[in-house]
């Protein structure tokens, strides 16, 4: 027998004289709904002959079947709407389905009420907040949320089919209000339990039982707020007032959603926050003001102590015989001041009631993470420490390192600031300086000025040497010890070269260099001694043609 003919006969038996001019999808959904109804009747008969836990388990199965049947009716309502829009007559099918649809709502209502009672009796079945308790609490709440969502859709389907949904709508509104109030109360109770556990942990942070209880309360609060979100959405779909529940949800979870854009909700939140602030100031204003005064007083005192400690350390280092670079001295002085001020901040936070232990632990963890992420910076830090320990240069020294030449202006544990001779400020990472050759030009008190002067091959060597010695002897910044050196050094292609190497104080280096160079040119001109330039002899040969 063809499938369509078999379905028509089945529908004729189950629905009576129903017009069968429906779409294939509608007929299949009607068949599916009848099959589910048969299963429900069979389960109900079996349940009536049982008692105790067996009966309770079958009640759960019946509730699940009713929800599945409701979902099928949702699809069926949509299919009938499409048939009606396609021009098919759905009035007789709707009339036959109406009693079954109207009876389905009370079944769902009873199932929701049974689950709510089951939640209320959980403490008698399981250890409160145990793993089993939380699992049952989650399962019951999910079922209630699903049932209310299905019931809301059922009410909408009744309206689409032009059936009387007044009783179902009234029960739905009542159930949503009741559910919202229950959840709101559970939120308040659970938050209070979490606050008590938190206060207890502040005094006894190692209490494992309280930690476990607080964790379970946090999980319970998350389940409650998730259900509250579902109820708020359903209330909004059914044109019910939700502002106070939205306010509670936002204040509990801190989640800001599109709902916050509602003007009335923003007003309620602002009023609640203002009321909380005024109440807090009224009851705790004097104590908070006194704590703030003490906090800033502690910060001020430790700020003065930090400056005093820095100055005391600075004087002690200056008076001691310990050889220390200015860079290390400056770093130690600044580090001491900041350490004293940091201790003052921690003490001040303790007076405000802030727990210092977690802050220090957090700083340790953050330091490890930041250190792992900033490995190059740690390399600069290590190089800075090596520079401070071995002291290859100090502030105001002229150095040449990392391809840069200039005067050291300052240094920290990460970088060194160098001022070049053309007045550019360069900040150089310490690992580049420590990893390269460091030439400290001004580390010694005395320096030798190396100069080379050439004369022509036709000039008198003794006369030129006498002139050069005379220039050095006459210059007041040339040191007599070590003795200046003037020697014939090289016979070049175009000149006879003398090396001239006077010793000077380091700060006089460039003055002597420029003065001697000028004096040599003037004296050589006066003495008739030439300063040759590169030249080449060119020989031209002529051949006579025969």
Protein backbone atom coordinates (compact mmCIF):
# COMPACT_ATOMS: atom_id res chain seq x y z
CA UNK A 1 0.00 0.00 0.00
CA UNK A 2 1.41 3.43 -0.94
CA UNK A 3 2.73 5.46 2.03
CA UNK A 4 0.37 8.42 1.40
CA UNK A 5 -2.70 6.16 1.36
CA UNK A 6 -1.59 4.52 4.62
CA UNK A 7 -1.15 7.91 6.29
CA UNK A 8 -4.56 9.06 5.09
CA UNK A 9 -6.22 5.99 6.62
CA UNK A 10 -4.35 6.51 9.88
CA UNK A 11 -5.35 10.14 10.04
CA UNK A 12 -8.94 9.21 9.26
CA UNK A 13 -8.98 6.97 12.32
CA UNK A 14 -7.20 9.39 14.67
CA UNK A 15 -8.75 12.67 13.56
CA UNK A 16 -12.19 11.64 12.35
CA UNK A 17 -13.67 13.45 9.41
CA UNK A 18 -10.74 15.76 8.74
CA UNK A 19 -10.12 17.32 5.41
CA UNK A 20 -7.07 15.50 4.09
CA UNK A 21 -6.05 18.07 1.57
CA UNK A 22 -2.88 18.95 3.44
CA UNK A 23 0.80 19.04 2.50
CA UNK A 24 2.98 15.96 2.85
CA UNK A 25 5.00 17.63 5.68
CA UNK A 26 1.87 18.43 7.67
CA UNK A 27 0.61 14.86 7.40
CA UNK A 28 3.93 13.44 8.57
CA UNK A 29 3.95 15.77 11.61
CA UNK A 30 0.40 14.72 12.50
CA UNK A 31 1.49 11.09 12.32
CA UNK A 32 4.51 11.81 14.53
CA UNK A 33 2.39 13.62 17.12
CA UNK A 34 -0.04 10.69 17.32
CA UNK A 35 2.84 8.29 17.82
CA UNK A 36 4.18 10.38 20.71
CA UNK A 37 0.72 10.59 22.26
CA UNK A 38 0.51 6.80 22.19
CA UNK A 39 3.86 6.56 23.98
CA UNK A 40 2.66 9.05 26.59
CA UNK A 41 -0.53 7.08 27.25
CA UNK A 42 1.44 3.86 27.63
CA UNK A 43 3.90 5.49 30.07
CA UNK A 44 1.04 7.00 32.06
CA UNK A 45 -0.60 3.57 32.41
CA UNK A 46 2.68 2.04 33.59
CA UNK A 47 3.24 4.88 36.06
CA UNK A 48 -0.17 4.41 37.68
CA UNK A 49 0.82 0.86 38.68
CA UNK A 50 4.10 1.91 40.31
CA UNK A 51 5.17 3.87 43.39
CA UNK A 52 8.23 5.45 44.98
CA UNK A 53 11.39 6.04 42.92
CA UNK A 54 10.10 4.03 39.95
CA UNK A 55 7.04 6.25 39.69
CA UNK A 56 9.24 9.38 39.98
CA UNK A 57 11.50 8.17 37.18
CA UNK A 58 8.50 7.57 34.91
CA UNK A 59 7.21 11.06 35.74
CA UNK A 60 10.52 12.41 34.44
CA UNK A 61 10.18 10.35 31.26
CA UNK A 62 6.61 11.58 30.80
CA UNK A 63 7.73 15.19 31.16
CA UNK A 64 10.41 14.64 28.53
CA UNK A 65 7.83 13.08 26.15
CA UNK A 66 5.46 16.03 26.68
CA UNK A 67 8.25 18.44 25.79
CA UNK A 68 9.04 16.46 22.65
CA UNK A 69 5.34 16.45 21.75
CA UNK A 70 5.22 20.19 22.29
CA UNK A 71 8.14 20.64 19.91
CA UNK A 72 6.33 18.54 17.30
CA UNK A 73 3.23 20.72 17.73
CA UNK A 74 5.45 23.79 17.23
CA UNK A 75 6.55 22.37 13.89
CA UNK A 76 2.98 21.40 13.10
CA UNK A 77 1.69 24.91 13.80
CA UNK A 78 4.34 26.31 11.46
CA UNK A 79 3.39 23.76 8.77
CA UNK A 80 -0.31 24.61 9.09
CA UNK A 81 0.51 28.29 8.77
CA UNK A 82 2.40 27.56 5.57
CA UNK A 83 -0.52 25.43 4.27
CA UNK A 84 -2.91 28.26 5.00
CA UNK A 85 -0.69 30.73 3.16
CA UNK A 86 -0.57 28.27 0.25
CA UNK A 87 -4.37 28.37 0.04
CA UNK A 88 -5.15 25.02 1.68
CA UNK A 89 -8.06 24.61 4.09
CA UNK A 90 -6.65 23.93 7.58
CA UNK A 91 -9.76 24.70 9.63
CA UNK A 92 -10.87 21.09 10.16
CA UNK A 93 -7.34 19.93 11.12
CA UNK A 94 -7.07 22.84 13.52
CA UNK A 95 -10.43 21.98 15.11
CA UNK A 96 -9.41 18.37 15.62
CA UNK A 97 -6.00 19.34 17.06
CA UNK A 98 -7.36 22.10 19.33
CA UNK A 99 -8.40 19.87 22.32
CA UNK A 100 -5.03 18.11 22.26
CA UNK A 101 -3.09 21.35 22.04
CA UNK A 102 -5.08 22.93 24.86
CA UNK A 103 -4.56 19.88 27.10
CA UNK A 104 -0.80 19.87 26.51
CA UNK A 105 -0.15 23.17 28.33
CA UNK A 106 -1.30 21.89 31.76
CA UNK A 107 0.97 18.85 31.43
CA UNK A 108 3.98 21.12 30.89
CA UNK A 109 2.89 23.33 33.79
CA UNK A 110 2.71 20.33 36.13
CA UNK A 111 6.14 19.13 34.99
CA UNK A 112 7.64 22.57 35.71
CA UNK A 113 6.02 22.65 39.17
CA UNK A 114 7.35 19.16 39.93
CA UNK A 115 10.90 20.21 38.97
CA UNK A 116 10.67 23.30 41.18
CA UNK A 117 9.59 21.09 44.12
CA UNK A 118 12.48 18.76 43.33
CA UNK A 119 14.90 21.69 43.63
CA UNK A 120 13.41 22.61 47.00
CA UNK A 121 14.03 19.06 48.31
CA UNK A 122 17.59 18.64 47.01
CA UNK A 123 19.14 19.26 50.45
CA UNK A 124 17.34 16.17 51.77
CA UNK A 125 18.71 13.93 49.01
CA UNK A 126 22.30 15.10 48.62
CA UNK A 127 24.99 16.84 50.64
CA UNK A 128 24.38 20.56 50.03
CA UNK A 129 26.70 21.99 47.34
CA UNK A 130 28.25 18.58 46.68
CA UNK A 131 29.05 17.47 43.13
CA UNK A 132 25.84 15.43 43.03
CA UNK A 133 23.81 18.33 44.42
CA UNK A 134 25.14 20.74 41.80
CA UNK A 135 24.54 18.24 38.99
CA UNK A 136 20.91 17.75 40.04
CA UNK A 137 20.45 21.50 40.53
CA UNK A 138 21.79 22.13 37.02
CA UNK A 139 19.57 19.44 35.45
CA UNK A 140 16.38 20.64 37.15
CA UNK A 141 17.01 24.28 36.24
CA UNK A 142 17.76 23.42 32.62
CA UNK A 143 14.51 21.46 32.43
CA UNK A 144 12.50 24.36 33.88
CA UNK A 145 14.15 26.79 31.44
CA UNK A 146 13.40 24.47 28.54
CA UNK A 147 9.81 23.95 29.73
CA UNK A 148 9.12 27.68 30.08
CA UNK A 149 10.63 28.32 26.64
CA UNK A 150 8.47 25.58 25.13
CA UNK A 151 5.38 26.86 26.94
CA UNK A 152 6.00 30.37 25.62
CA UNK A 153 6.23 29.01 22.09
CA UNK A 154 3.07 26.95 22.73
CA UNK A 155 1.14 30.10 23.69
CA UNK A 156 2.34 31.77 20.50
CA UNK A 157 1.27 28.75 18.43
CA UNK A 158 -2.22 28.82 19.94
CA UNK A 159 -2.53 32.45 18.94
CA UNK A 160 -1.31 31.71 15.39
CA UNK A 161 -3.95 28.97 15.05
CA UNK A 162 -6.64 31.36 16.36
CA UNK A 163 -7.22 29.17 19.42
CA UNK A 164 -8.08 30.46 22.87
CA UNK A 165 -4.75 30.87 24.66
CA UNK A 166 -5.94 33.11 27.50
CA UNK A 167 -5.56 30.50 30.27
CA UNK A 168 -2.17 29.39 28.97
CA UNK A 169 -0.97 33.00 28.64
CA UNK A 170 -2.08 33.83 32.18
CA UNK A 171 -0.33 30.79 33.61
CA UNK A 172 2.82 31.56 31.58
CA UNK A 173 2.92 35.15 32.86
CA UNK A 174 2.37 33.95 36.41
CA UNK A 175 5.03 31.23 36.06
CA UNK A 176 7.57 33.66 34.61
CA UNK A 177 7.02 36.19 37.44
CA UNK A 178 7.25 33.45 40.05
CA UNK A 179 10.38 31.97 38.45
CA UNK A 180 12.03 35.40 38.23
CA UNK A 181 11.31 36.12 41.89
CA UNK A 182 12.63 32.71 42.98
CA UNK A 183 15.83 33.21 40.99
CA UNK A 184 16.26 36.76 42.31
CA UNK A 185 15.96 35.47 45.87
CA UNK A 186 18.45 32.68 45.16
CA UNK A 187 20.88 35.26 43.75
CA UNK A 188 20.70 37.31 46.98
CA UNK A 189 21.12 34.28 49.23
CA UNK A 190 24.01 32.89 47.21
CA UNK A 191 25.79 36.25 47.05
CA UNK A 192 25.49 36.57 50.83
CA UNK A 193 26.99 33.09 51.27
CA UNK A 194 29.86 33.99 48.92
CA UNK A 195 30.55 37.22 50.83
CA UNK A 196 30.64 35.33 54.14
CA UNK A 197 33.04 32.77 52.70
CA UNK A 198 35.25 35.55 51.33
CA UNK A 199 35.41 37.28 54.72
CA UNK A 200 36.26 33.98 56.37
CA UNK A 201 39.07 33.34 53.86
CA UNK A 202 40.59 36.75 54.57
CA UNK A 203 41.15 35.65 58.16
CA UNK A 204 41.93 32.01 57.35
CA UNK A 205 43.24 31.87 53.76
CA UNK A 206 44.32 28.23 54.10
CA UNK A 207 40.86 26.89 55.00
CA UNK A 208 40.34 24.27 52.26
CA UNK A 209 36.71 23.53 53.19
CA UNK A 210 35.72 27.19 52.91
CA UNK A 211 37.53 27.48 49.58
CA UNK A 212 35.66 24.47 48.22
CA UNK A 213 32.34 25.81 49.55
CA UNK A 214 32.96 29.22 47.98
CA UNK A 215 33.84 27.61 44.65
CA UNK A 216 30.59 25.60 44.75
CA UNK A 217 28.62 28.77 45.62
CA UNK A 218 30.23 30.53 42.64
CA UNK A 219 29.16 27.69 40.36
CA UNK A 220 25.65 27.76 41.81
CA UNK A 221 25.44 31.53 41.23
CA UNK A 222 26.49 31.06 37.59
CA UNK A 223 23.70 28.49 37.08
CA UNK A 224 21.12 30.79 38.67
CA UNK A 225 22.13 33.83 36.60
CA UNK A 226 22.04 31.76 33.39
CA UNK A 227 18.44 30.75 34.20
CA UNK A 228 17.62 34.35 35.03
CA UNK A 229 18.83 35.42 31.57
CA UNK A 230 16.44 32.88 29.99
CA UNK A 231 13.49 34.08 32.09
CA UNK A 232 14.22 37.75 31.32
CA UNK A 233 14.26 36.98 27.58
CA UNK A 234 10.93 35.14 27.83
CA UNK A 235 9.38 37.94 29.90
CA UNK A 236 10.51 40.47 27.31
CA UNK A 237 8.99 38.35 24.50
CA UNK A 238 5.69 38.26 26.40
CA UNK A 239 5.66 42.04 27.06
CA UNK A 240 6.32 41.74 30.80
CA UNK A 241 8.26 44.22 32.92
CA UNK A 242 11.89 43.08 33.34
CA UNK A 243 13.82 46.17 34.45
CA UNK A 244 14.41 45.20 38.08
CA UNK A 245 15.54 41.72 37.08
CA UNK A 246 17.85 43.12 34.39
CA UNK A 247 19.26 45.49 36.97
CA UNK A 248 19.90 42.62 39.37
CA UNK A 249 21.54 40.54 36.63
CA UNK A 250 23.87 43.36 35.57
CA UNK A 251 24.83 44.21 39.14
CA UNK A 252 25.49 40.54 39.90
CA UNK A 253 27.46 39.50 36.81
CA UNK A 254 28.78 42.85 35.60
CA UNK A 255 27.90 41.83 32.03
CA UNK A 256 26.88 44.86 29.96
CA UNK A 257 24.68 43.84 27.05
CA UNK A 258 22.46 45.64 24.56
CA UNK A 259 19.80 45.71 27.29
CA UNK A 260 21.77 48.43 29.07
CA UNK A 261 20.76 50.82 26.31
CA UNK A 262 17.23 50.86 27.69
CA UNK A 263 16.65 54.31 29.22
CA UNK A 264 14.55 53.07 32.13
CA UNK A 265 17.12 50.44 33.01
CA UNK A 266 19.94 52.99 32.93
CA UNK A 267 17.89 55.20 35.23
CA UNK A 268 17.23 52.34 37.67
CA UNK A 269 20.91 51.35 37.70
CA UNK A 270 22.00 54.94 38.30
CA UNK A 271 19.50 55.32 41.12
CA UNK A 272 20.60 52.04 42.69
CA UNK A 273 24.28 52.92 42.48
CA UNK A 274 23.61 56.39 43.87
CA UNK A 275 21.58 54.93 46.73
CA UNK A 276 24.35 52.43 47.49
CA UNK A 277 26.95 55.20 47.43
CA UNK A 278 24.93 57.46 49.73
CA UNK A 279 24.27 54.56 52.09
CA UNK A 280 27.95 53.62 52.13
CA UNK A 281 29.03 57.20 52.83
CA UNK A 282 26.39 57.54 55.53
CA UNK A 283 27.53 54.44 57.39
CA UNK A 284 31.24 54.34 56.51
CA UNK A 285 32.11 57.88 55.42
CA UNK A 286 33.90 58.90 58.64
CA UNK A 287 35.91 55.67 58.80
CA UNK A 288 36.88 55.86 55.13
CA UNK A 289 37.87 59.53 55.46
CA UNK A 290 40.05 58.73 58.48
CA UNK A 291 41.67 55.82 56.61
CA UNK A 292 42.39 58.06 53.61
CA UNK A 293 43.95 60.67 55.90
CA UNK A 294 46.13 57.97 57.50
CA UNK A 295 47.02 56.59 54.05
CA UNK A 296 48.18 59.93 52.65
CA UNK A 297 49.96 60.74 55.91
CA UNK A 298 51.90 57.47 55.65
CA UNK A 299 52.75 58.18 52.01
CA UNK A 300 53.95 61.69 52.91
CA UNK A 301 56.09 60.44 55.80
CA UNK A 302 57.68 57.69 53.74
CA UNK A 303 58.28 60.15 50.88
CA UNK A 304 60.30 62.31 53.26
CA UNK A 305 62.02 59.18 54.62
CA UNK A 306 62.91 58.11 51.07
CA UNK A 307 64.57 61.44 50.35
CA UNK A 308 66.39 61.36 53.70
CA UNK A 309 67.57 57.77 53.08
CA UNK A 310 68.79 58.71 49.59
CA UNK A 311 70.77 61.69 50.91
CA UNK A 312 72.21 59.67 53.81
CA UNK A 313 73.36 56.90 51.48
CA UNK A 314 74.81 59.47 49.05
CA UNK A 315 76.90 61.08 51.81
CA UNK A 316 77.98 57.72 53.19
CA UNK A 317 79.19 56.56 49.78
CA UNK A 318 81.08 59.80 49.24
CA UNK A 319 82.82 59.55 52.63
CA UNK A 320 83.63 55.84 52.40
CA UNK A 321 86.76 54.44 50.83
CA UNK A 322 84.80 52.12 48.60
CA UNK A 323 85.65 52.73 44.95
CA UNK A 324 82.40 53.07 43.11
CA UNK A 325 81.43 54.66 39.83
CA UNK A 326 79.05 57.59 39.76
CA UNK A 327 76.67 55.46 37.71
CA UNK A 328 76.44 52.77 40.40
CA UNK A 329 76.25 55.38 43.14
CA UNK A 330 73.38 57.15 41.41
CA UNK A 331 71.55 53.85 40.83
CA UNK A 332 71.91 52.75 44.47
CA UNK A 333 70.73 56.13 45.76
CA UNK A 334 67.64 56.14 43.52
CA UNK A 335 66.87 52.47 44.25
CA UNK A 336 67.03 53.08 48.00
CA UNK A 337 64.60 56.00 47.79
CA UNK A 338 62.14 54.08 45.66
CA UNK A 339 62.33 51.01 47.90
CA UNK A 340 61.52 53.07 51.00
CA UNK A 341 58.60 54.73 49.20
CA UNK A 342 57.32 51.32 47.98
CA UNK A 343 57.33 50.02 51.56
CA UNK A 344 55.33 53.09 52.57
CA UNK A 345 52.74 52.40 49.85
CA UNK A 346 52.34 48.80 51.04
CA UNK A 347 51.88 49.93 54.65
CA UNK A 348 49.35 52.57 53.53
CA UNK A 349 47.37 50.00 51.52
CA UNK A 350 47.33 47.77 54.59
CA UNK A 351 45.78 50.61 56.59
CA UNK A 352 43.07 50.91 53.93
CA UNK A 353 42.22 47.25 54.44
CA UNK A 354 43.84 46.02 51.23
CA UNK A 355 45.48 42.61 51.57
CA UNK A 356 49.16 43.06 50.73
CA UNK A 357 49.98 39.36 50.38
CA UNK A 358 48.05 38.78 47.13
CA UNK A 359 49.55 41.99 45.71
CA UNK A 360 53.09 40.78 46.35
CA UNK A 361 52.24 37.34 44.97
CA UNK A 362 50.67 38.95 41.91
CA UNK A 363 53.77 41.10 41.41
CA UNK A 364 55.91 37.97 41.55
CA UNK A 365 53.81 36.16 38.96
CA UNK A 366 53.58 39.28 36.78
CA UNK A 367 57.35 39.73 37.06
CA UNK A 368 57.93 36.17 35.87
CA UNK A 369 55.56 36.60 32.91
CA UNK A 370 56.96 40.00 31.95
CA UNK A 371 60.51 38.73 32.33
CA UNK A 372 59.78 35.78 30.05
CA UNK A 373 58.21 38.09 27.47
CA UNK A 374 60.98 40.70 27.65
CA UNK A 375 64.09 38.55 27.31
CA UNK A 376 65.97 41.27 25.40
CA UNK A 377 65.27 43.71 28.21
CA UNK A 378 66.65 41.22 30.71
CA UNK A 379 69.79 40.98 28.56
CA UNK A 380 70.14 44.76 28.75
CA UNK A 381 69.59 44.55 32.52
CA UNK A 382 72.37 41.97 32.90
CA UNK A 383 74.71 44.06 30.73
CA UNK A 384 73.90 47.13 32.82
CA UNK A 385 74.83 45.23 35.99
CA UNK A 386 78.15 44.15 34.45
CA UNK A 387 78.92 47.73 33.43
CA UNK A 388 78.15 48.97 36.94
CA UNK A 389 80.31 46.25 38.52
CA UNK A 390 83.36 46.50 36.23
CA UNK A 391 83.08 50.29 35.65
CA UNK A 392 84.52 50.60 32.13
CA UNK A 393 83.24 54.21 32.06
CA UNK A 394 81.49 56.77 34.21
CA UNK A 395 79.32 59.84 33.84
CA UNK A 396 80.94 62.58 31.68
CA UNK A 397 83.50 60.16 30.22
CA UNK A 398 84.06 60.32 26.48
CA UNK A 399 83.73 56.82 25.09
CA UNK A 400 83.55 55.03 21.78
CA UNK A 401 81.34 51.93 21.78
CA UNK A 402 78.73 50.28 19.54
CA UNK A 403 79.98 52.47 16.69
CA UNK A 404 79.14 55.65 18.62
CA UNK A 405 81.49 58.27 20.04
CA UNK A 406 80.38 60.83 22.58
CA UNK A 407 80.08 61.81 26.23
CA UNK A 408 78.18 59.63 28.72
CA UNK A 409 75.34 61.66 30.21
CA UNK A 410 73.45 59.05 32.22
CA UNK A 411 72.79 55.35 32.56
CA UNK A 412 70.17 53.00 33.96
CA UNK A 413 69.99 49.22 34.08
CA UNK A 414 68.56 49.02 30.57
CA UNK A 415 70.26 51.72 28.48
CA UNK A 416 73.00 54.36 28.39
CA UNK A 417 72.46 57.93 27.20
CA UNK A 418 75.33 59.38 25.14
CA UNK A 419 75.67 62.97 23.92
CA UNK A 420 77.58 63.12 20.64
CA UNK A 421 79.95 65.96 19.78
CA UNK A 422 77.41 67.40 17.32
CA UNK A 423 74.89 67.59 20.21
CA UNK A 424 72.74 64.53 19.43
CA UNK A 425 71.35 62.50 22.32
CA UNK A 426 71.56 58.76 21.69
CA UNK A 427 70.01 56.10 23.94
CA UNK A 428 72.00 52.89 23.43
CA UNK A 429 70.90 49.46 24.82
CA UNK A 430 73.42 48.22 27.37
CA UNK A 431 73.90 44.83 25.70
CA UNK A 432 75.15 46.57 22.53
CA UNK A 433 77.73 48.50 24.58
CA UNK A 434 78.85 45.56 26.74
CA UNK A 435 79.00 43.22 23.75
CA UNK A 436 81.35 45.53 21.83
CA UNK A 437 84.81 47.03 22.39
CA UNK A 438 84.55 49.96 24.80
CA UNK A 439 87.11 52.70 24.25
CA UNK A 440 87.20 55.16 27.15
CA UNK A 441 88.96 58.23 25.81
CA UNK A 442 88.96 60.20 29.06
CA UNK A 443 89.58 57.40 31.57
CA UNK A 444 93.28 58.45 32.05
CA UNK A 445 94.47 61.82 33.32
CA UNK A 446 97.07 62.17 30.55
CA UNK A 447 96.99 61.48 26.84
CA UNK A 448 99.52 61.47 24.03
CA UNK A 449 98.80 63.56 20.96
CA UNK A 450 99.95 61.72 17.84
CA UNK A 451 100.74 63.97 14.85
CA UNK A 452 102.71 63.54 11.62
CA UNK A 453 104.36 66.42 9.68
CA UNK A 454 106.21 66.07 6.38
CA UNK A 455 109.02 68.15 4.79
CA UNK A 456 110.54 68.09 1.33
CA UNK A 457 113.55 65.97 0.44
CA UNK A 458 115.54 69.12 -0.24
CA UNK A 459 114.85 70.61 3.22
CA UNK A 460 117.27 70.47 6.17
CA UNK A 461 116.22 67.61 8.51
CA UNK A 462 118.07 68.99 11.56
CA UNK A 463 116.51 72.42 11.11
CA UNK A 464 113.01 70.93 10.85
CA UNK A 465 113.55 68.79 13.96
CA UNK A 466 114.80 71.85 15.86
CA UNK A 467 111.72 73.83 14.86
CA UNK A 468 109.35 71.09 15.95
CA UNK A 469 111.04 70.72 19.35
CA UNK A 470 110.92 74.47 19.80
CA UNK A 471 107.17 74.57 19.12
CA UNK A 472 106.52 71.88 21.72
CA UNK A 473 108.78 73.50 24.29
CA UNK A 474 107.04 76.84 23.90
CA UNK A 475 103.50 75.48 24.39
CA UNK A 476 102.42 75.84 28.02
CA UNK A 477 100.02 72.87 27.90
CA UNK A 478 102.58 70.34 26.68
CA UNK A 479 103.91 68.31 29.61
CA UNK A 480 107.63 67.92 30.19
CA UNK A 481 107.05 64.50 31.73
CA UNK A 482 106.64 62.19 29.93
CA UNK A 483 109.08 63.81 27.49
CA UNK A 484 107.73 64.81 24.07
CA UNK A 485 108.93 62.76 21.11
CA UNK A 486 110.05 64.23 17.77
CA UNK A 487 111.56 61.66 15.41
CA UNK A 488 112.18 61.20 11.71
CA UNK A 489 109.78 58.40 10.97
CA UNK A 490 109.16 57.70 7.28
CA UNK A 491 110.68 58.45 3.88
CA UNK A 492 107.53 58.69 1.84
CA UNK A 493 107.14 58.99 -1.91
CA UNK A 494 106.84 62.78 -1.79
CA UNK A 495 107.90 63.75 1.71
CA UNK A 496 110.13 63.08 4.68
CA UNK A 497 107.79 62.52 7.66
CA UNK A 498 108.37 63.36 11.31
CA UNK A 499 106.24 61.93 14.13
CA UNK A 500 105.45 64.48 16.82
CA UNK A 501 104.07 63.02 20.07
CA UNK A 502 103.66 65.42 23.00
CA UNK A 503 101.92 64.39 26.29
CA UNK A 504 99.13 66.55 27.61
CA UNK A 505 96.40 66.52 30.25
CA UNK A 506 93.34 64.78 28.86
CA UNK A 507 91.20 67.90 28.87
CA UNK A 508 93.88 69.77 26.85
CA UNK A 509 94.08 67.20 24.04
CA UNK A 510 92.33 69.12 21.28
CA UNK A 511 93.73 72.50 22.28
CA UNK A 512 97.29 71.19 21.90
CA UNK A 513 96.46 69.34 18.68
CA UNK A 514 95.03 72.43 17.00
CA UNK A 515 97.66 74.86 18.40
CA UNK A 516 100.66 72.73 17.35
CA UNK A 517 99.25 72.12 13.87
CA UNK A 518 98.80 75.89 13.37
CA UNK A 519 102.23 76.74 14.78
CA UNK A 520 104.00 74.17 12.55
CA UNK A 521 102.52 75.68 9.40
CA UNK A 522 103.48 79.22 10.38
CA UNK A 523 107.05 78.32 11.56
CA UNK A 524 107.77 76.15 8.53
CA UNK A 525 106.73 79.03 6.26
CA UNK A 526 108.92 81.44 8.23
CA UNK A 527 111.92 79.08 8.21
CA UNK A 528 111.60 78.31 4.51
CA UNK A 529 110.76 74.67 5.14
CA UNK A 530 108.37 73.25 2.59
CA UNK A 531 105.37 71.10 3.31
CA UNK A 532 105.23 68.93 0.20
CA UNK A 533 102.17 67.61 -1.46
CA UNK A 534 102.03 64.37 -3.44
CA UNK A 535 103.81 64.70 -6.77
CA UNK A 536 105.02 62.46 -9.52
CA UNK A 537 107.83 62.91 -12.07
CA UNK A 538 106.78 62.34 -15.69
CA UNK A 539 109.54 61.52 -18.22
CA UNK A 540 108.80 62.10 -21.94
CA UNK A 541 110.92 60.26 -24.50
CA UNK A 542 111.03 61.37 -28.13
CA UNK A 543 112.07 59.03 -30.93
CA UNK A 544 113.40 60.20 -34.31
CA UNK A 545 111.78 58.59 -37.30
CA UNK A 546 114.21 57.15 -39.79
